PDB file of N, CA and C in Angstrom:
ATOM      1  N   MET A   1       0.865  -1.142   0.174  1.00  0.00           N
ATOM      2  CA  MET A   1       0.308  -0.244  -0.355  1.00  0.00           C
ATOM      3  C   MET A   1       1.189   1.905   0.243  1.00  0.00           C
ATOM      4  N   ALA A   2       0.436   2.544  -0.604  1.00  0.00           N
ATOM      5  CA  ALA A   2       1.531   3.280  -0.360  1.00  0.00           C
ATOM      6  C   ALA A   2       0.971   4.390   0.272  1.00  0.00           C
ATOM      7  N   SER A   3       1.515   5.537   0.674  1.00  0.00           N
ATOM      8  CA  SER A   3       1.328   6.309   1.448  1.00  0.00           C
ATOM      9  C   SER A   3       1.455   7.732   0.732  1.00  0.00           C
ATOM     10  N   GLY A   4       1.107   8.775   1.545  1.00  0.00           N
ATOM     11  CA  GLY A   4       1.058  10.354   1.534  1.00  0.00           C
ATOM     12  C   GLY A   4       0.969  10.939   2.294  1.00  0.00           C
ATOM     13  N   ILE A   5       0.783  12.381   1.503  1.00  0.00           N
ATOM     14  CA  ILE A   5       0.040  13.328   2.830  1.00  0.00           C
ATOM     15  C   ILE A   5      -1.562  14.016   2.086  1.00  0.00           C
ATOM     16  N   MET A   6      -1.890  14.734   2.166  1.00  0.00           N
ATOM     17  CA  MET A   6      -2.857  15.763   2.107  1.00  0.00           C
ATOM     18  C   MET A   6      -3.134  16.219   2.920  1.00  0.00           C
ATOM     19  N   GLU A   7      -3.427  17.411   2.079  1.00  0.00           N
ATOM     20  CA  GLU A   7      -2.831  19.012   2.861  1.00  0.00           C
ATOM     21  C   GLU A   7      -4.223  19.360   2.516  1.00  0.00           C
ATOM     22  N   VAL A   8      -5.255  20.272   2.937  1.00  0.00           N
ATOM     23  CA  VAL A   8      -6.621  20.863   4.160  1.00  0.00           C
ATOM     24  C   VAL A   8      -5.909  22.233   3.997  1.00  0.00           C
ATOM     25  N   LEU A   9      -6.080  23.194   3.201  1.00  0.00           N
ATOM     26  CA  LEU A   9      -6.405  24.640   3.262  1.00  0.00           C
ATOM     27  C   LEU A   9      -7.477  25.387   4.273  1.00  0.00           C
ATOM     28  N   LEU A  10      -7.175  25.862   5.349  1.00  0.00           N
ATOM     29  CA  LEU A  10      -8.501  26.186   5.792  1.00  0.00           C
ATOM     30  C   LEU A  10      -8.204  27.449   5.819  1.00  0.00           C
ATOM     31  N   VAL A  11      -9.249  28.605   4.773  1.00  0.00           N
ATOM     32  CA  VAL A  11      -9.259  30.144   4.372  1.00  0.00           C
ATOM     33  C   VAL A  11      -9.834  30.623   5.630  1.00  0.00           C
ATOM     34  N   SER A  12     -10.955  30.760   5.182  1.00  0.00           N
ATOM     35  CA  SER A  12     -11.835  31.658   6.098  1.00  0.00           C
ATOM     36  C   SER A  12     -12.981  30.860   6.369  1.00  0.00           C
ATOM     37  N   ALA A  13     -14.172  32.097   6.826  1.00  0.00           N
ATOM     38  CA  ALA A  13     -15.777  31.097   6.606  1.00  0.00           C
ATOM     39  C   ALA A  13     -16.888  32.381   6.781  1.00  0.00           C
ATOM     40  N   LYS A  14     -17.327  32.692   6.258  1.00  0.00           N
ATOM     41  CA  LYS A  14     -18.611  34.322   6.210  1.00  0.00           C
ATOM     42  C   LYS A  14     -19.933  33.361   6.666  1.00  0.00           C
ATOM     43  N   GLY A  15     -20.140  35.018   7.430  1.00  0.00           N
ATOM     44  CA  GLY A  15     -21.663  34.580   7.925  1.00  0.00           C
ATOM     45  C   GLY A  15     -22.323  32.922   9.147  1.00  0.00           C
ATOM     46  N   LEU A  16     -21.117  32.554   9.816  1.00  0.00           N
ATOM     47  CA  LEU A  16     -21.438  32.247  10.961  1.00  0.00           C
ATOM     48  C   LEU A  16     -22.593  32.958  11.808  1.00  0.00           C
ATOM     49  N   GLY A  17     -23.566  32.471  12.419  1.00  0.00           N
ATOM     50  CA  GLY A  17     -24.072  32.877  13.284  1.00  0.00           C
ATOM     51  C   GLY A  17     -23.460  33.251  14.717  1.00  0.00           C
ATOM     52  N   ASP A  18     -23.522  34.416  15.140  1.00  0.00           N
ATOM     53  CA  ASP A  18     -22.549  34.454  16.237  1.00  0.00           C
ATOM     54  C   ASP A  18     -23.743  33.839  17.552  1.00  0.00           C
ATOM     55  N   THR A  19     -22.702  33.307  18.717  1.00  0.00           N
ATOM     56  CA  THR A  19     -23.246  32.639  19.243  1.00  0.00           C
ATOM     57  C   THR A  19     -22.942  33.298  21.213  1.00  0.00           C
ATOM     58  N   ASP A  20     -21.643  34.016  21.318  1.00  0.00           N
ATOM     59  CA  ASP A  20     -21.776  34.694  22.283  1.00  0.00           C
ATOM     60  C   ASP A  20     -22.514  35.485  22.927  1.00  0.00           C
ATOM     61  N   PHE A  21     -22.069  35.928  23.996  1.00  0.00           N
ATOM     62  CA  PHE A  21     -23.774  37.204  23.792  1.00  0.00           C
ATOM     63  C   PHE A  21     -22.805  38.443  25.012  1.00  0.00           C
ATOM     64  N   ILE A  22     -21.228  38.263  25.322  1.00  0.00           N
ATOM     65  CA  ILE A  22     -20.487  39.475  25.283  1.00  0.00           C
ATOM     66  C   ILE A  22     -19.409  39.195  24.280  1.00  0.00           C
ATOM     67  N   GLY A  23     -18.785  40.526  23.451  1.00  0.00           N
ATOM     68  CA  GLY A  23     -18.221  40.506  22.922  1.00  0.00           C
ATOM     69  C   GLY A  23     -18.393  39.736  21.196  1.00  0.00           C
ATOM     70  N   ASP A  24     -17.101  39.072  20.520  1.00  0.00           N
ATOM     71  CA  ASP A  24     -17.669  38.118  19.442  1.00  0.00           C
ATOM     72  C   ASP A  24     -16.610  36.967  19.860  1.00  0.00           C
ATOM     73  N   MET A  25     -17.524  36.336  19.051  1.00  0.00           N
ATOM     74  CA  MET A  25     -17.061  34.307  19.316  1.00  0.00           C
ATOM     75  C   MET A  25     -16.149  34.140  18.649  1.00  0.00           C
ATOM     76  N   ASP A  26     -15.649  32.831  18.783  1.00  0.00           N
ATOM     77  CA  ASP A  26     -14.402  33.395  18.793  1.00  0.00           C
ATOM     78  C   ASP A  26     -14.365  31.048  17.711  1.00  0.00           C
ATOM     79  N   PRO A  27     -14.450  31.638  17.141  1.00  0.00           N
ATOM     80  CA  PRO A  27     -14.590  29.831  16.049  1.00  0.00           C
ATOM     81  C   PRO A  27     -13.172  29.468  16.148  1.00  0.00           C
ATOM     82  N   TYR A  28     -13.591  27.939  15.930  1.00  0.00           N
ATOM     83  CA  TYR A  28     -11.994  27.066  15.725  1.00  0.00           C
ATOM     84  C   TYR A  28     -13.181  26.186  14.815  1.00  0.00           C
ATOM     85  N   VAL A  29     -11.953  25.392  13.879  1.00  0.00           N
ATOM     86  CA  VAL A  29     -12.619  24.261  12.609  1.00  0.00           C
ATOM     87  C   VAL A  29     -11.807  23.371  13.116  1.00  0.00           C
ATOM     88  N   ILE A  30     -13.090  21.776  13.663  1.00  0.00           N
ATOM     89  CA  ILE A  30     -12.681  20.771  13.358  1.00  0.00           C
ATOM     90  C   ILE A  30     -12.099  19.521  12.221  1.00  0.00           C
ATOM     91  N   VAL A  31     -11.589  19.380  11.365  1.00  0.00           N
ATOM     92  CA  VAL A  31     -11.699  18.112  10.374  1.00  0.00           C
ATOM     93  C   VAL A  31     -10.665  17.013  10.943  1.00  0.00           C
ATOM     94  N   GLN A  32     -11.980  15.701  10.461  1.00  0.00           N
ATOM     95  CA  GLN A  32     -11.735  14.334  10.198  1.00  0.00           C
ATOM     96  C   GLN A  32     -11.801  13.645   9.214  1.00  0.00           C
ATOM     97  N   TYR A  33     -10.140  13.185   9.059  1.00  0.00           N
ATOM     98  CA  TYR A  33     -10.454  12.513   7.993  1.00  0.00           C
ATOM     99  C   TYR A  33      -9.740  10.863   8.473  1.00  0.00           C
ATOM    100  N   LYS A  34     -11.073   9.855   8.788  1.00  0.00           N
ATOM    101  CA  LYS A  34     -11.038   8.241   8.954  1.00  0.00           C
ATOM    102  C   LYS A  34     -10.635   8.344  10.555  1.00  0.00           C
ATOM    103  N   SER A  35      -9.872   7.437  10.808  1.00  0.00           N
ATOM    104  CA  SER A  35      -9.171   8.149  12.343  1.00  0.00           C
ATOM    105  C   SER A  35      -8.453   8.680  12.827  1.00  0.00           C
ATOM    106  N   GLN A  36      -7.799  10.399  11.771  1.00  0.00           N
ATOM    107  CA  GLN A  36      -7.152  10.777  12.192  1.00  0.00           C
ATOM    108  C   GLN A  36      -7.944  12.643  12.003  1.00  0.00           C
ATOM    109  N   GLU A  37      -7.716  13.624  13.508  1.00  0.00           N
ATOM    110  CA  GLU A  37      -8.728  14.798  14.121  1.00  0.00           C
ATOM    111  C   GLU A  37      -7.537  15.619  14.277  1.00  0.00           C
ATOM    112  N   ARG A  38      -7.382  16.502  12.931  1.00  0.00           N
ATOM    113  CA  ARG A  38      -6.900  18.137  13.251  1.00  0.00           C
ATOM    114  C   ARG A  38      -7.862  19.537  13.800  1.00  0.00           C
ATOM    115  N   LYS A  39      -7.532  20.498  14.022  1.00  0.00           N
ATOM    116  CA  LYS A  39      -8.143  21.673  15.078  1.00  0.00           C
ATOM    117  C   LYS A  39      -7.477  22.394  14.555  1.00  0.00           C
ATOM    118  N   SER A  40      -8.174  23.180  14.050  1.00  0.00           N
ATOM    119  CA  SER A  40      -7.157  24.549  13.820  1.00  0.00           C
ATOM    120  C   SER A  40      -7.294  25.432  15.182  1.00  0.00           C
ATOM    121  N   GLY A  41      -6.512  26.588  14.982  1.00  0.00           N
ATOM    122  CA  GLY A  41      -5.726  27.735  15.406  1.00  0.00           C
ATOM    123  C   GLY A  41      -7.310  28.227  16.544  1.00  0.00           C
ATOM    124  N   VAL A  42      -7.784  29.094  16.963  1.00  0.00           N
ATOM    125  CA  VAL A  42      -8.973  29.693  17.224  1.00  0.00           C
ATOM    126  C   VAL A  42      -8.788  31.173  17.370  1.00  0.00           C
ATOM    127  N   ALA A  43      -9.829  31.672  16.120  1.00  0.00           N
ATOM    128  CA  ALA A  43      -9.836  32.362  15.004  1.00  0.00           C
ATOM    129  C   ALA A  43     -10.210  33.594  15.984  1.00  0.00           C
ATOM    130  N   ARG A  44      -9.644  34.247  17.539  1.00  0.00           N
ATOM    131  CA  ARG A  44      -9.862  34.730  18.166  1.00  0.00           C
ATOM    132  C   ARG A  44     -10.451  36.228  17.804  1.00  0.00           C
ATOM    133  N   GLU A  45     -11.557  36.896  18.049  1.00  0.00           N
ATOM    134  CA  GLU A  45     -12.895  38.370  18.318  1.00  0.00           C
ATOM    135  C   GLU A  45     -12.745  37.977  17.669  1.00  0.00           C
ATOM    136  N   GLN A  46     -12.504  37.100  16.283  1.00  0.00           N
ATOM    137  CA  GLN A  46     -13.107  37.360  14.134  1.00  0.00           C
ATOM    138  C   GLN A  46     -14.788  37.031  14.171  1.00  0.00           C
ATOM    139  N   GLY A  47     -15.808  36.803  14.801  1.00  0.00           N
ATOM    140  CA  GLY A  47     -17.315  36.570  15.135  1.00  0.00           C
ATOM    141  C   GLY A  47     -17.899  35.693  14.236  1.00  0.00           C
ATOM    142  N   GLY A  48     -17.899  36.317  13.092  1.00  0.00           N
ATOM    143  CA  GLY A  48     -18.278  35.242  12.354  1.00  0.00           C
ATOM    144  C   GLY A  48     -18.426  35.631  10.741  1.00  0.00           C
ATOM    145  N   GLN A  49     -16.522  35.986  10.849  1.00  0.00           N
ATOM    146  CA  GLN A  49     -15.988  36.682   9.511  1.00  0.00           C
ATOM    147  C   GLN A  49     -14.469  35.905  10.302  1.00  0.00           C
ATOM    148  N   PRO A  50     -14.762  35.135  10.695  1.00  0.00           N
ATOM    149  CA  PRO A  50     -12.569  34.473  10.559  1.00  0.00           C
ATOM    150  C   PRO A  50     -11.939  33.963   9.469  1.00  0.00           C
ATOM    151  N   VAL A  51     -10.515  34.244   9.837  1.00  0.00           N
ATOM    152  CA  VAL A  51      -9.935  34.417   8.830  1.00  0.00           C
ATOM    153  C   VAL A  51      -8.459  33.135   9.400  1.00  0.00           C
ATOM    154  N   TRP A  52      -8.257  32.136   8.831  1.00  0.00           N
ATOM    155  CA  TRP A  52      -7.542  30.842   9.863  1.00  0.00           C
ATOM    156  C   TRP A  52      -5.970  31.060   8.664  1.00  0.00           C
ATOM    157  N   ASN A  53      -6.060  30.742   7.147  1.00  0.00           N
ATOM    158  CA  ASN A  53      -5.001  30.677   6.601  1.00  0.00           C
ATOM    159  C   ASN A  53      -4.047  29.394   6.834  1.00  0.00           C
ATOM    160  N   GLU A  54      -4.433  28.901   7.316  1.00  0.00           N
ATOM    161  CA  GLU A  54      -4.369  27.341   7.718  1.00  0.00           C
ATOM    162  C   GLU A  54      -3.551  25.831   7.486  1.00  0.00           C
ATOM    163  N   ARG A  55      -2.994  25.296   7.655  1.00  0.00           N
ATOM    164  CA  ARG A  55      -2.508  23.902   6.915  1.00  0.00           C
ATOM    165  C   ARG A  55      -2.866  23.233   7.473  1.00  0.00           C
ATOM    166  N   LEU A  56      -3.669  22.083   7.325  1.00  0.00           N
ATOM    167  CA  LEU A  56      -3.869  20.713   8.179  1.00  0.00           C
ATOM    168  C   LEU A  56      -3.250  19.768   7.322  1.00  0.00           C
ATOM    169  N   LYS A  57      -2.559  18.854   7.714  1.00  0.00           N
ATOM    170  CA  LYS A  57      -2.354  17.094   7.236  1.00  0.00           C
ATOM    171  C   LYS A  57      -2.731  16.360   7.848  1.00  0.00           C
ATOM    172  N   PHE A  58      -2.806  15.503   6.607  1.00  0.00           N
ATOM    173  CA  PHE A  58      -3.342  13.669   7.049  1.00  0.00           C
ATOM    174  C   PHE A  58      -2.487  12.916   6.809  1.00  0.00           C
ATOM    175  N   LYS A  59      -1.940  12.085   6.783  1.00  0.00           N
ATOM    176  CA  LYS A  59      -1.774  10.893   6.371  1.00  0.00           C
ATOM    177  C   LYS A  59      -2.132  10.082   5.152  1.00  0.00           C
ATOM    178  N   VAL A  60      -2.345   9.754   4.395  1.00  0.00           N
ATOM    179  CA  VAL A  60      -3.475   9.280   3.683  1.00  0.00           C
ATOM    180  C   VAL A  60      -2.478   8.123   2.987  1.00  0.00           C
ATOM    181  N   ASP A  61      -3.480   6.174   3.220  1.00  0.00           N
ATOM    182  CA  ASP A  61      -2.864   5.180   2.507  1.00  0.00           C
ATOM    183  C   ASP A  61      -4.203   5.419   1.168  1.00  0.00           C
ATOM    184  N   TYR A  62      -3.332   4.326   0.615  1.00  0.00           N
ATOM    185  CA  TYR A  62      -3.923   4.119  -0.880  1.00  0.00           C
ATOM    186  C   TYR A  62      -3.258   2.867  -0.926  1.00  0.00           C
ATOM    187  N   PRO A  63      -4.320   1.759  -2.034  1.00  0.00           N
ATOM    188  CA  PRO A  63      -3.690   0.656  -2.446  1.00  0.00           C
ATOM    189  C   PRO A  63      -3.203   1.510  -3.479  1.00  0.00           C
ATOM    190  N   ARG A  64      -2.001  -0.018  -3.709  1.00  0.00           N
ATOM    191  CA  ARG A  64      -1.099   0.383  -5.460  1.00  0.00           C
ATOM    192  C   ARG A  64      -1.779  -0.433  -6.130  1.00  0.00           C
ATOM    193  N   THR A  65      -1.596   0.802  -7.914  1.00  0.00           N
ATOM    194  CA  THR A  65      -1.744  -0.038  -8.856  1.00  0.00           C
ATOM    195  C   THR A  65      -1.150  -0.778  -9.165  1.00  0.00           C
ATOM    196  N   SER A  66      -2.182  -1.629 -10.184  1.00  0.00           N
ATOM    197  CA  SER A  66      -1.143  -2.803 -11.090  1.00  0.00           C
ATOM    198  C   SER A  66      -0.781  -1.996 -12.107  1.00  0.00           C
ATOM    199  N   TRP A  67       0.573  -1.471 -12.670  1.00  0.00           N
ATOM    200  CA  TRP A  67       1.175  -1.954 -14.337  1.00  0.00           C
ATOM    201  C   TRP A  67       1.248  -2.443 -15.228  1.00  0.00           C
ATOM    202  N   ARG A  68       0.781  -2.475 -16.617  1.00  0.00           N
ATOM    203  CA  ARG A  68       0.889  -3.409 -17.267  1.00  0.00           C
ATOM    204  C   ARG A  68       1.719  -2.719 -18.758  1.00  0.00           C
ATOM    205  N   ILE A  69       2.857  -3.092 -18.387  1.00  0.00           N
ATOM    206  CA  ILE A  69       4.469  -2.612 -19.377  1.00  0.00           C
ATOM    207  C   ILE A  69       4.603  -3.664 -20.592  1.00  0.00           C
TER     208      ILE A  69
END
């Protein structure tokens, strides 16, 4: 089985509903791939329009393909 790295670029979000009563909310993102989980940093005081610009990396395995020559 071959393996590699999958990279997810987390850029931003728009239109999130504010859930904080005082101040702006501090959103973050959790991304899951199979049994792996990655969490972004917290976008402090960015409310409903957070920006992360983070790269989340996952190890991926995929079956080898057969080559006929």
